[in-house]
Amino acid sequence: MNGENKIITRKELKEWIRLDFEAYKMKHPLAARFTYGENWELFAYMKNLRYLEYYTNKRQRPWDKVLKAYYWLQHRKKCKRMCIDISPNSVGPGFHLQHRGFRLIQGNTKIGNNCEVLPMVLMGKKRPDSTDYHISIGHNCYISTGVTILGPVTIGDNVTIAAGAVVVTDIPDNAVVGGVPAKIIKMKAKP
């Protein structure tokens, strides 16, 4: 589960950016960059987030604070422009944003490696007065469009959440869930 690992060294930063880049499967990244392709723009958002995480987690020197402030301002600008708000240190390497569109992933959320999230996804708390609303999502999960996940909740590895589902209870590994509230539709074969 992601929660234990954070980007602290330059080597980890480069590895996480490489894994994020591979998740986008761009055939022509140079062309995508200069033609403002959607995948390049979403990858650029993730790359900036990774630099913000690195400068937040590493031992702070005076110039690191300046760089952290720079990447934080870039992050805020990209959040407003793209309507995507992912808190630092909440998503694992290989994270893939599919298409532009609203996503809110708060700081109490920890998402594992190689997960994919489509637009119109909200991860938050069940009630305004809740103090414990952590959301833990395993590795290799697919979260479809229009999903709402309300914590506290734990979602296992290799889970697929169908479009429009509202998740309010824990989900075991290898499940396909859907509905309001979300229920297990079927169990996938273990990989």
N, C-alpha and C. Protein backbone atom coordinates (compact mmCIF):
# COMPACT_ATOMS: atom_id res chain seq x y z
N MET A 1 0.84 -1.19 0.00
CA MET A 1 0.00 0.00 0.00
C MET A 1 0.87 1.23 0.00
N ASN A 2 0.47 2.28 -0.69
CA ASN A 2 1.27 3.49 -0.80
C ASN A 2 1.38 4.17 0.55
N GLY A 3 1.02 4.69 1.30
CA GLY A 3 1.15 5.31 2.56
C GLY A 3 2.50 5.24 3.21
N GLU A 4 3.21 4.08 3.07
CA GLU A 4 4.52 3.94 3.68
C GLU A 4 5.61 4.57 2.84
N ASN A 5 5.47 4.63 1.53
CA ASN A 5 6.56 5.12 0.69
C ASN A 5 6.27 6.52 0.17
N LYS A 6 7.31 7.35 0.27
CA LYS A 6 7.25 8.72 -0.22
C LYS A 6 8.51 8.98 -1.01
N ILE A 7 8.46 9.98 -1.86
CA ILE A 7 9.63 10.37 -2.64
C ILE A 7 10.54 11.21 -1.75
N ILE A 8 11.74 10.68 -1.48
CA ILE A 8 12.68 11.41 -0.63
C ILE A 8 13.99 11.68 -1.37
N THR A 9 14.44 10.74 -2.20
CA THR A 9 15.70 10.93 -2.91
C THR A 9 15.45 11.29 -4.37
N ARG A 10 16.47 11.85 -4.99
CA ARG A 10 16.40 12.21 -6.40
C ARG A 10 16.18 10.96 -7.27
N LYS A 11 16.78 9.85 -6.88
CA LYS A 11 16.62 8.58 -7.61
C LYS A 11 15.17 8.12 -7.58
N GLU A 12 14.53 8.20 -6.40
CA GLU A 12 13.11 7.84 -6.28
C GLU A 12 12.25 8.76 -7.13
N LEU A 13 12.56 10.05 -7.14
CA LEU A 13 11.81 11.02 -7.95
C LEU A 13 11.85 10.62 -9.42
N LYS A 14 13.03 10.33 -9.93
CA LYS A 14 13.15 9.95 -11.34
C LYS A 14 12.41 8.65 -11.64
N GLU A 15 12.48 7.68 -10.72
CA GLU A 15 11.80 6.40 -10.92
C GLU A 15 10.28 6.58 -10.95
N TRP A 16 9.74 7.37 -10.01
CA TRP A 16 8.29 7.59 -9.97
C TRP A 16 7.82 8.33 -11.22
N ILE A 17 8.59 9.31 -11.68
CA ILE A 17 8.21 10.04 -12.90
C ILE A 17 8.25 9.09 -14.09
N ARG A 18 9.26 8.21 -14.15
CA ARG A 18 9.33 7.23 -15.24
C ARG A 18 8.11 6.31 -15.24
N LEU A 19 7.72 5.83 -14.06
CA LEU A 19 6.55 4.95 -13.96
C LEU A 19 5.27 5.68 -14.33
N ASP A 20 5.14 6.94 -13.93
CA ASP A 20 3.97 7.74 -14.32
C ASP A 20 3.95 7.92 -15.84
N PHE A 21 5.10 8.22 -16.43
CA PHE A 21 5.19 8.41 -17.87
C PHE A 21 4.76 7.15 -18.62
N GLU A 22 5.24 6.00 -18.16
CA GLU A 22 4.87 4.73 -18.80
C GLU A 22 3.38 4.44 -18.70
N ALA A 23 2.73 4.90 -17.64
CA ALA A 23 1.29 4.68 -17.47
C ALA A 23 0.47 5.36 -18.57
N TYR A 24 1.01 6.44 -19.14
CA TYR A 24 0.27 7.17 -20.18
C TYR A 24 0.42 6.56 -21.56
N LYS A 25 1.36 5.66 -21.76
CA LYS A 25 1.52 4.92 -23.02
C LYS A 25 1.47 5.84 -24.25
N MET A 26 2.20 6.95 -24.21
CA MET A 26 2.24 7.87 -25.35
C MET A 26 3.17 7.31 -26.43
N LYS A 27 2.64 7.17 -27.63
CA LYS A 27 3.44 6.65 -28.73
C LYS A 27 4.42 7.71 -29.24
N HIS A 28 3.99 8.95 -29.23
CA HIS A 28 4.82 10.05 -29.73
C HIS A 28 4.83 11.19 -28.71
N PRO A 29 5.59 11.03 -27.62
CA PRO A 29 5.55 12.05 -26.55
C PRO A 29 6.02 13.43 -26.99
N LEU A 30 7.00 13.50 -27.88
CA LEU A 30 7.48 14.81 -28.34
C LEU A 30 6.39 15.54 -29.12
N ALA A 31 5.70 14.81 -29.99
CA ALA A 31 4.60 15.42 -30.74
C ALA A 31 3.46 15.81 -29.80
N ALA A 32 3.18 14.97 -28.81
CA ALA A 32 2.11 15.29 -27.85
C ALA A 32 2.44 16.55 -27.06
N ARG A 33 3.71 16.73 -26.74
CA ARG A 33 4.11 17.90 -25.97
C ARG A 33 3.92 19.18 -26.77
N PHE A 34 4.31 19.18 -28.02
CA PHE A 34 4.24 20.40 -28.82
C PHE A 34 2.87 20.64 -29.45
N THR A 35 2.02 19.65 -29.46
CA THR A 35 0.65 19.85 -29.95
C THR A 35 -0.35 19.94 -28.81
N TYR A 36 0.16 20.02 -27.59
CA TYR A 36 -0.67 20.12 -26.38
C TYR A 36 -1.67 18.97 -26.29
N GLY A 37 -1.18 17.76 -26.52
CA GLY A 37 -2.00 16.57 -26.41
C GLY A 37 -2.49 16.37 -24.99
N GLU A 38 -3.65 15.77 -24.87
CA GLU A 38 -4.28 15.57 -23.55
C GLU A 38 -3.40 14.74 -22.62
N ASN A 39 -2.84 13.65 -23.13
CA ASN A 39 -2.00 12.80 -22.28
C ASN A 39 -0.77 13.55 -21.79
N TRP A 40 -0.16 14.38 -22.64
CA TRP A 40 1.01 15.12 -22.20
C TRP A 40 0.64 16.11 -21.10
N GLU A 41 -0.48 16.76 -21.25
CA GLU A 41 -0.92 17.74 -20.25
C GLU A 41 -1.19 17.06 -18.90
N LEU A 42 -1.82 15.91 -18.92
CA LEU A 42 -2.09 15.17 -17.69
C LEU A 42 -0.80 14.64 -17.08
N PHE A 43 0.13 14.17 -17.92
CA PHE A 43 1.42 13.73 -17.41
C PHE A 43 2.19 14.90 -16.80
N ALA A 44 2.13 16.07 -17.42
CA ALA A 44 2.81 17.26 -16.89
C ALA A 44 2.26 17.62 -15.52
N TYR A 45 0.95 17.44 -15.33
CA TYR A 45 0.35 17.67 -14.01
C TYR A 45 0.98 16.73 -12.98
N MET A 46 1.07 15.44 -13.34
CA MET A 46 1.64 14.44 -12.42
C MET A 46 3.12 14.71 -12.16
N LYS A 47 3.85 15.10 -13.17
CA LYS A 47 5.28 15.37 -13.00
C LYS A 47 5.49 16.53 -12.03
N ASN A 48 4.71 17.57 -12.18
CA ASN A 48 4.81 18.70 -11.25
C ASN A 48 4.45 18.26 -9.83
N LEU A 49 3.42 17.42 -9.70
CA LEU A 49 3.03 16.90 -8.39
C LEU A 49 4.17 16.12 -7.76
N ARG A 50 4.88 15.32 -8.56
CA ARG A 50 6.01 14.53 -8.04
C ARG A 50 7.13 15.44 -7.54
N TYR A 51 7.42 16.52 -8.27
CA TYR A 51 8.44 17.45 -7.80
C TYR A 51 8.00 18.14 -6.50
N LEU A 52 6.73 18.49 -6.40
CA LEU A 52 6.21 19.08 -5.16
C LEU A 52 6.35 18.11 -4.01
N GLU A 53 6.04 16.83 -4.24
CA GLU A 53 6.19 15.82 -3.19
C GLU A 53 7.65 15.68 -2.77
N TYR A 54 8.54 15.68 -3.75
CA TYR A 54 9.98 15.54 -3.46
C TYR A 54 10.46 16.69 -2.58
N TYR A 55 10.13 17.91 -2.95
CA TYR A 55 10.60 19.06 -2.17
C TYR A 55 9.85 19.22 -0.85
N THR A 56 8.70 18.59 -0.72
CA THR A 56 7.98 18.57 0.57
C THR A 56 8.60 17.56 1.52
N ASN A 57 9.02 16.40 1.01
CA ASN A 57 9.47 15.29 1.85
C ASN A 57 10.95 15.32 2.20
N LYS A 58 11.78 15.89 1.35
CA LYS A 58 13.23 15.83 1.59
C LYS A 58 13.65 16.82 2.68
N ARG A 59 14.87 16.61 3.18
CA ARG A 59 15.41 17.53 4.17
C ARG A 59 15.48 18.93 3.57
N GLN A 60 14.92 19.89 4.26
CA GLN A 60 14.78 21.24 3.72
C GLN A 60 16.03 22.09 3.90
N ARG A 61 16.58 22.54 2.79
CA ARG A 61 17.64 23.54 2.80
C ARG A 61 17.00 24.85 2.35
N PRO A 62 17.63 25.99 2.54
CA PRO A 62 16.99 27.27 2.17
C PRO A 62 16.49 27.32 0.73
N TRP A 63 17.29 26.82 -0.24
CA TRP A 63 16.86 26.88 -1.64
C TRP A 63 15.74 25.87 -1.92
N ASP A 64 15.66 24.80 -1.10
CA ASP A 64 14.58 23.83 -1.28
C ASP A 64 13.23 24.46 -0.97
N LYS A 65 13.21 25.36 -0.01
CA LYS A 65 11.94 26.05 0.32
C LYS A 65 11.47 26.89 -0.85
N VAL A 66 12.38 27.51 -1.56
CA VAL A 66 12.02 28.31 -2.73
C VAL A 66 11.47 27.40 -3.83
N LEU A 67 12.14 26.26 -4.06
CA LEU A 67 11.67 25.32 -5.07
C LEU A 67 10.33 24.70 -4.68
N LYS A 68 10.16 24.40 -3.40
CA LYS A 68 8.87 23.87 -2.94
C LYS A 68 7.77 24.89 -3.19
N ALA A 69 8.03 26.16 -2.90
CA ALA A 69 7.03 27.21 -3.13
C ALA A 69 6.71 27.32 -4.63
N TYR A 70 7.73 27.23 -5.47
CA TYR A 70 7.52 27.30 -6.92
C TYR A 70 6.62 26.16 -7.39
N TYR A 71 6.94 24.91 -7.00
CA TYR A 71 6.14 23.77 -7.44
C TYR A 71 4.75 23.79 -6.82
N TRP A 72 4.61 24.33 -5.61
CA TRP A 72 3.28 24.45 -5.01
C TRP A 72 2.44 25.44 -5.80
N LEU A 73 3.02 26.58 -6.21
CA LEU A 73 2.27 27.55 -7.01
C LEU A 73 1.90 26.97 -8.36
N GLN A 74 2.82 26.24 -8.99
CA GLN A 74 2.51 25.57 -10.26
C GLN A 74 1.38 24.56 -10.08
N HIS A 75 1.44 23.82 -8.96
CA HIS A 75 0.39 22.83 -8.67
C HIS A 75 -0.97 23.51 -8.54
N ARG A 76 -1.03 24.61 -7.80
CA ARG A 76 -2.30 25.33 -7.62
C ARG A 76 -2.82 25.83 -8.96
N LYS A 77 -1.93 26.36 -9.79
CA LYS A 77 -2.32 26.86 -11.11
C LYS A 77 -2.88 25.74 -11.97
N LYS A 78 -2.20 24.60 -11.98
CA LYS A 78 -2.67 23.45 -12.77
C LYS A 78 -3.99 22.90 -12.22
N CYS A 79 -4.14 22.89 -10.89
CA CYS A 79 -5.38 22.42 -10.27
C CYS A 79 -6.56 23.26 -10.74
N LYS A 80 -6.39 24.57 -10.72
CA LYS A 80 -7.47 25.48 -11.14
C LYS A 80 -7.77 25.34 -12.62
N ARG A 81 -6.72 25.26 -13.44
CA ARG A 81 -6.92 25.20 -14.88
C ARG A 81 -7.54 23.89 -15.33
N MET A 82 -7.13 22.78 -14.71
CA MET A 82 -7.58 21.47 -15.17
C MET A 82 -8.73 20.89 -14.34
N CYS A 83 -9.07 21.54 -13.23
CA CYS A 83 -10.14 21.08 -12.34
C CYS A 83 -9.80 19.69 -11.77
N ILE A 84 -8.53 19.49 -11.45
CA ILE A 84 -8.04 18.26 -10.84
C ILE A 84 -7.28 18.67 -9.59
N ASP A 85 -7.66 18.14 -8.44
CA ASP A 85 -6.99 18.50 -7.20
C ASP A 85 -6.55 17.23 -6.47
N ILE A 86 -5.27 16.92 -6.58
CA ILE A 86 -4.70 15.76 -5.92
C ILE A 86 -3.72 16.26 -4.87
N SER A 87 -3.93 15.90 -3.63
CA SER A 87 -3.02 16.31 -2.56
C SER A 87 -1.68 15.60 -2.69
N PRO A 88 -0.58 16.30 -2.36
CA PRO A 88 0.73 15.64 -2.40
C PRO A 88 0.78 14.42 -1.48
N ASN A 89 1.57 13.44 -1.87
CA ASN A 89 1.79 12.20 -1.12
C ASN A 89 0.54 11.36 -0.94
N SER A 90 -0.37 11.42 -1.91
CA SER A 90 -1.58 10.61 -1.79
C SER A 90 -1.71 9.54 -2.87
N VAL A 91 -0.91 9.61 -3.94
CA VAL A 91 -1.00 8.60 -5.01
C VAL A 91 0.35 7.96 -5.26
N GLY A 92 0.34 6.66 -5.53
CA GLY A 92 1.56 5.90 -5.76
C GLY A 92 2.08 6.05 -7.18
N PRO A 93 3.25 5.45 -7.47
CA PRO A 93 3.83 5.55 -8.80
C PRO A 93 2.99 4.80 -9.83
N GLY A 94 3.07 5.26 -11.08
CA GLY A 94 2.30 4.64 -12.15
C GLY A 94 0.85 5.09 -12.17
N PHE A 95 0.53 6.16 -11.47
CA PHE A 95 -0.84 6.69 -11.40
C PHE A 95 -1.21 7.29 -12.75
N HIS A 96 -2.42 6.98 -13.21
CA HIS A 96 -2.86 7.42 -14.53
C HIS A 96 -4.19 8.15 -14.43
N LEU A 97 -4.18 9.41 -14.84
CA LEU A 97 -5.41 10.19 -14.96
C LEU A 97 -5.90 10.01 -16.39
N GLN A 98 -7.10 9.53 -16.55
CA GLN A 98 -7.67 9.31 -17.87
C GLN A 98 -8.57 10.50 -18.20
N HIS A 99 -8.24 11.29 -19.17
CA HIS A 99 -9.00 12.45 -19.64
C HIS A 99 -9.01 13.59 -18.62
N ARG A 100 -9.26 14.78 -19.13
CA ARG A 100 -9.41 15.95 -18.26
C ARG A 100 -10.77 15.89 -17.60
N GLY A 101 -10.93 16.58 -16.49
CA GLY A 101 -12.21 16.63 -15.81
C GLY A 101 -12.04 16.56 -14.31
N PHE A 102 -13.08 16.89 -13.59
CA PHE A 102 -13.04 17.03 -12.14
C PHE A 102 -12.58 15.76 -11.42
N ARG A 103 -11.63 15.94 -10.52
CA ARG A 103 -11.22 14.90 -9.57
C ARG A 103 -10.77 15.60 -8.30
N LEU A 104 -11.21 15.09 -7.17
CA LEU A 104 -10.78 15.61 -5.87
C LEU A 104 -10.27 14.44 -5.05
N ILE A 105 -8.97 14.44 -4.78
CA ILE A 105 -8.34 13.40 -3.97
C ILE A 105 -7.65 14.12 -2.82
N GLN A 106 -8.26 14.04 -1.64
CA GLN A 106 -7.77 14.78 -0.49
C GLN A 106 -6.58 14.10 0.17
N GLY A 107 -5.94 14.81 1.09
CA GLY A 107 -4.73 14.33 1.75
C GLY A 107 -4.91 13.09 2.60
N ASN A 108 -6.12 12.78 3.04
CA ASN A 108 -6.36 11.59 3.84
C ASN A 108 -6.45 10.34 2.98
N THR A 109 -6.26 10.48 1.69
CA THR A 109 -6.37 9.37 0.76
C THR A 109 -4.98 8.84 0.41
N LYS A 110 -4.85 7.52 0.40
CA LYS A 110 -3.62 6.87 -0.04
C LYS A 110 -3.99 5.87 -1.12
N ILE A 111 -3.46 6.08 -2.32
CA ILE A 111 -3.75 5.22 -3.47
C ILE A 111 -2.47 4.49 -3.85
N GLY A 112 -2.56 3.19 -4.07
CA GLY A 112 -1.40 2.36 -4.38
C GLY A 112 -0.85 2.56 -5.78
N ASN A 113 0.01 1.66 -6.19
CA ASN A 113 0.71 1.74 -7.47
C ASN A 113 -0.19 1.34 -8.63
N ASN A 114 0.07 1.94 -9.79
CA ASN A 114 -0.55 1.57 -11.06
C ASN A 114 -2.07 1.63 -11.05
N CYS A 115 -2.61 2.68 -10.48
CA CYS A 115 -4.07 2.86 -10.46
C CYS A 115 -4.48 3.86 -11.55
N GLU A 116 -5.72 3.74 -12.00
CA GLU A 116 -6.25 4.62 -13.03
C GLU A 116 -7.55 5.22 -12.54
N VAL A 117 -7.70 6.54 -12.74
CA VAL A 117 -8.89 7.25 -12.28
C VAL A 117 -9.45 8.08 -13.42
N LEU A 118 -10.73 7.88 -13.71
CA LEU A 118 -11.42 8.63 -14.75
C LEU A 118 -12.03 9.91 -14.18
N PRO A 119 -12.59 10.79 -15.02
CA PRO A 119 -13.13 12.07 -14.53
C PRO A 119 -14.36 11.92 -13.63
N MET A 120 -14.67 13.01 -12.95
CA MET A 120 -15.84 13.15 -12.08
C MET A 120 -15.76 12.22 -10.87
N VAL A 121 -14.57 12.10 -10.28
CA VAL A 121 -14.36 11.25 -9.11
C VAL A 121 -14.12 12.13 -7.89
N LEU A 122 -14.86 11.84 -6.83
CA LEU A 122 -14.74 12.58 -5.57
C LEU A 122 -14.40 11.61 -4.46
N MET A 123 -13.37 11.93 -3.70
CA MET A 123 -12.99 11.13 -2.53
C MET A 123 -13.01 12.07 -1.33
N GLY A 124 -13.93 11.81 -0.40
CA GLY A 124 -14.08 12.70 0.75
C GLY A 124 -14.64 11.99 1.95
N LYS A 125 -15.33 12.75 2.81
CA LYS A 125 -15.86 12.18 4.04
C LYS A 125 -17.38 12.07 3.99
N LYS A 126 -17.92 11.14 4.81
CA LYS A 126 -19.36 10.88 4.81
C LYS A 126 -20.16 12.02 5.41
N ARG A 127 -19.63 12.60 6.50
CA ARG A 127 -20.35 13.69 7.18
C ARG A 127 -19.41 14.85 7.41
N PRO A 128 -19.92 16.08 7.45
CA PRO A 128 -19.06 17.24 7.64
C PRO A 128 -18.29 17.23 8.96
N ASP A 129 -18.85 16.60 10.00
CA ASP A 129 -18.21 16.60 11.31
C ASP A 129 -17.27 15.40 11.52
N SER A 130 -17.06 14.58 10.50
CA SER A 130 -16.18 13.41 10.62
C SER A 130 -14.73 13.86 10.82
N THR A 131 -14.04 13.21 11.74
CA THR A 131 -12.63 13.49 11.95
C THR A 131 -11.76 12.39 11.36
N ASP A 132 -12.26 11.16 11.31
CA ASP A 132 -11.52 10.05 10.72
C ASP A 132 -12.19 9.69 9.40
N TYR A 133 -11.59 10.15 8.32
CA TYR A 133 -12.18 9.84 7.01
C TYR A 133 -11.09 9.42 6.02
N HIS A 134 -10.16 8.58 6.52
CA HIS A 134 -9.10 8.09 5.64
C HIS A 134 -9.67 7.18 4.56
N ILE A 135 -9.05 7.22 3.40
CA ILE A 135 -9.42 6.34 2.29
C ILE A 135 -8.13 5.66 1.84
N SER A 136 -8.15 4.34 1.85
CA SER A 136 -6.98 3.56 1.45
C SER A 136 -7.36 2.69 0.26
N ILE A 137 -6.66 2.89 -0.86
CA ILE A 137 -6.95 2.16 -2.09
C ILE A 137 -5.71 1.37 -2.47
N GLY A 138 -5.87 0.10 -2.78
CA GLY A 138 -4.75 -0.79 -3.08
C GLY A 138 -4.12 -0.54 -4.44
N HIS A 139 -3.30 -1.49 -4.87
CA HIS A 139 -2.58 -1.40 -6.14
C HIS A 139 -3.45 -1.90 -7.29
N ASN A 140 -3.17 -1.41 -8.49
CA ASN A 140 -3.80 -1.88 -9.74
C ASN A 140 -5.32 -1.74 -9.73
N CYS A 141 -5.82 -0.64 -9.23
CA CYS A 141 -7.27 -0.41 -9.18
C CYS A 141 -7.70 0.49 -10.34
N TYR A 142 -8.94 0.31 -10.76
CA TYR A 142 -9.53 1.11 -11.83
C TYR A 142 -10.79 1.76 -11.28
N ILE A 143 -10.81 3.09 -11.27
CA ILE A 143 -11.96 3.82 -10.74
C ILE A 143 -12.60 4.56 -11.90
N SER A 144 -13.81 4.16 -12.25
CA SER A 144 -14.48 4.68 -13.43
C SER A 144 -15.08 6.06 -13.17
N THR A 145 -15.72 6.61 -14.18
CA THR A 145 -16.24 7.96 -14.11
C THR A 145 -17.44 8.08 -13.17
N GLY A 146 -17.54 9.21 -12.51
CA GLY A 146 -18.67 9.50 -11.64
C GLY A 146 -18.67 8.77 -10.31
N VAL A 147 -17.55 8.22 -9.90
CA VAL A 147 -17.47 7.46 -8.65
C VAL A 147 -17.30 8.42 -7.47
N THR A 148 -18.00 8.12 -6.38
CA THR A 148 -17.84 8.84 -5.12
C THR A 148 -17.39 7.84 -4.07
N ILE A 149 -16.28 8.15 -3.40
CA ILE A 149 -15.77 7.28 -2.34
C ILE A 149 -15.76 8.10 -1.07
N LEU A 150 -16.53 7.65 -0.06
CA LEU A 150 -16.67 8.38 1.18
C LEU A 150 -16.05 7.58 2.32
N GLY A 151 -15.05 8.17 2.98
CA GLY A 151 -14.32 7.48 4.03
C GLY A 151 -14.92 7.64 5.40
N PRO A 152 -14.49 6.82 6.34
CA PRO A 152 -13.34 5.92 6.25
C PRO A 152 -13.71 4.63 5.50
N VAL A 153 -12.80 4.25 4.58
CA VAL A 153 -13.02 3.05 3.78
C VAL A 153 -11.67 2.52 3.29
N THR A 154 -11.59 1.19 3.16
CA THR A 154 -10.40 0.54 2.63
C THR A 154 -10.81 -0.29 1.42
N ILE A 155 -10.11 -0.07 0.31
CA ILE A 155 -10.38 -0.77 -0.94
C ILE A 155 -9.15 -1.61 -1.26
N GLY A 156 -9.34 -2.88 -1.55
CA GLY A 156 -8.23 -3.81 -1.78
C GLY A 156 -7.52 -3.63 -3.10
N ASP A 157 -6.62 -4.55 -3.40
CA ASP A 157 -5.87 -4.55 -4.66
C ASP A 157 -6.72 -5.10 -5.79
N ASN A 158 -6.42 -4.68 -7.02
CA ASN A 158 -7.06 -5.19 -8.25
C ASN A 158 -8.57 -5.02 -8.24
N VAL A 159 -9.05 -3.90 -7.74
CA VAL A 159 -10.49 -3.63 -7.66
C VAL A 159 -10.91 -2.75 -8.83
N THR A 160 -12.06 -3.06 -9.41
CA THR A 160 -12.66 -2.23 -10.44
C THR A 160 -13.95 -1.65 -9.87
N ILE A 161 -14.08 -0.32 -9.93
CA ILE A 161 -15.29 0.34 -9.43
C ILE A 161 -16.04 0.89 -10.64
N ALA A 162 -17.27 0.44 -10.82
CA ALA A 162 -18.08 0.79 -11.99
C ALA A 162 -18.53 2.25 -11.94
N ALA A 163 -18.89 2.77 -13.10
CA ALA A 163 -19.30 4.17 -13.25
C ALA A 163 -20.49 4.49 -12.34
N GLY A 164 -20.41 5.64 -11.69
CA GLY A 164 -21.50 6.13 -10.85
C GLY A 164 -21.64 5.48 -9.50
N ALA A 165 -20.74 4.61 -9.13
CA ALA A 165 -20.84 3.92 -7.83
C ALA A 165 -20.55 4.87 -6.68
N VAL A 166 -21.18 4.59 -5.55
CA VAL A 166 -20.92 5.33 -4.31
C VAL A 166 -20.39 4.32 -3.30
N VAL A 167 -19.11 4.41 -2.99
CA VAL A 167 -18.45 3.45 -2.10
C VAL A 167 -18.45 4.01 -0.68
N VAL A 168 -19.09 3.29 0.24
CA VAL A 168 -19.14 3.72 1.65
C VAL A 168 -18.68 2.62 2.60
N THR A 169 -18.41 1.41 2.06
CA THR A 169 -17.94 0.30 2.90
C THR A 169 -16.67 -0.28 2.29
N ASP A 170 -15.95 -1.06 3.09
CA ASP A 170 -14.70 -1.68 2.63
C ASP A 170 -14.96 -2.65 1.49
N ILE A 171 -13.97 -2.77 0.59
CA ILE A 171 -14.06 -3.66 -0.56
C ILE A 171 -12.85 -4.60 -0.54
N PRO A 172 -13.07 -5.92 -0.67
CA PRO A 172 -11.95 -6.87 -0.65
C PRO A 172 -11.16 -6.84 -1.97
N ASP A 173 -10.02 -7.51 -1.98
CA ASP A 173 -9.20 -7.62 -3.19
C ASP A 173 -9.96 -8.31 -4.31
N ASN A 174 -9.61 -7.98 -5.57
CA ASN A 174 -10.10 -8.65 -6.78
C ASN A 174 -11.61 -8.58 -6.96
N ALA A 175 -12.22 -7.50 -6.54
CA ALA A 175 -13.68 -7.36 -6.66
C ALA A 175 -14.04 -6.37 -7.76
N VAL A 176 -15.20 -6.56 -8.35
CA VAL A 176 -15.82 -5.59 -9.24
C VAL A 176 -17.07 -5.11 -8.51
N VAL A 177 -17.14 -3.79 -8.27
CA VAL A 177 -18.27 -3.25 -7.51
C VAL A 177 -18.99 -2.19 -8.31
N GLY A 178 -20.26 -1.99 -7.99
CA GLY A 178 -21.07 -0.97 -8.64
C GLY A 178 -22.33 -0.73 -7.86
N GLY A 179 -23.02 0.35 -8.19
CA GLY A 179 -24.30 0.66 -7.57
C GLY A 179 -24.21 1.74 -6.51
N VAL A 180 -25.40 2.08 -5.99
CA VAL A 180 -25.51 3.10 -4.93
C VAL A 180 -26.33 2.50 -3.81
N PRO A 181 -25.76 2.18 -2.67
CA PRO A 181 -24.32 2.14 -2.38
C PRO A 181 -23.68 0.95 -3.10
N ALA A 182 -22.37 1.03 -3.27
CA ALA A 182 -21.63 0.01 -4.04
C ALA A 182 -21.69 -1.35 -3.38
N LYS A 183 -21.98 -2.36 -4.21
CA LYS A 183 -22.01 -3.76 -3.77
C LYS A 183 -21.14 -4.57 -4.72
N ILE A 184 -20.66 -5.70 -4.25
CA ILE A 184 -19.83 -6.56 -5.10
C ILE A 184 -20.69 -7.18 -6.19
N ILE A 185 -20.29 -6.96 -7.44
CA ILE A 185 -20.98 -7.53 -8.59
C ILE A 185 -20.41 -8.91 -8.88
N LYS A 186 -19.08 -9.00 -8.88
CA LYS A 186 -18.43 -10.29 -9.08
C LYS A 186 -17.01 -10.22 -8.54
N MET A 187 -16.42 -11.38 -8.38
CA MET A 187 -15.02 -11.48 -7.94
C MET A 187 -14.19 -11.89 -9.16
N LYS A 188 -13.07 -11.20 -9.36
CA LYS A 188 -12.16 -11.53 -10.47
C LYS A 188 -11.25 -12.68 -10.04
N ALA A 189 -10.76 -13.40 -11.04
CA ALA A 189 -9.76 -14.44 -10.75
C ALA A 189 -8.50 -13.77 -10.24
N LYS A 190 -7.85 -14.39 -9.29
CA LYS A 190 -6.63 -13.80 -8.72
C LYS A 190 -5.53 -13.83 -9.77
N PRO A 191 -4.80 -12.69 -9.90
CA PRO A 191 -3.75 -12.63 -10.94
C PRO A 191 -2.55 -13.47 -10.59
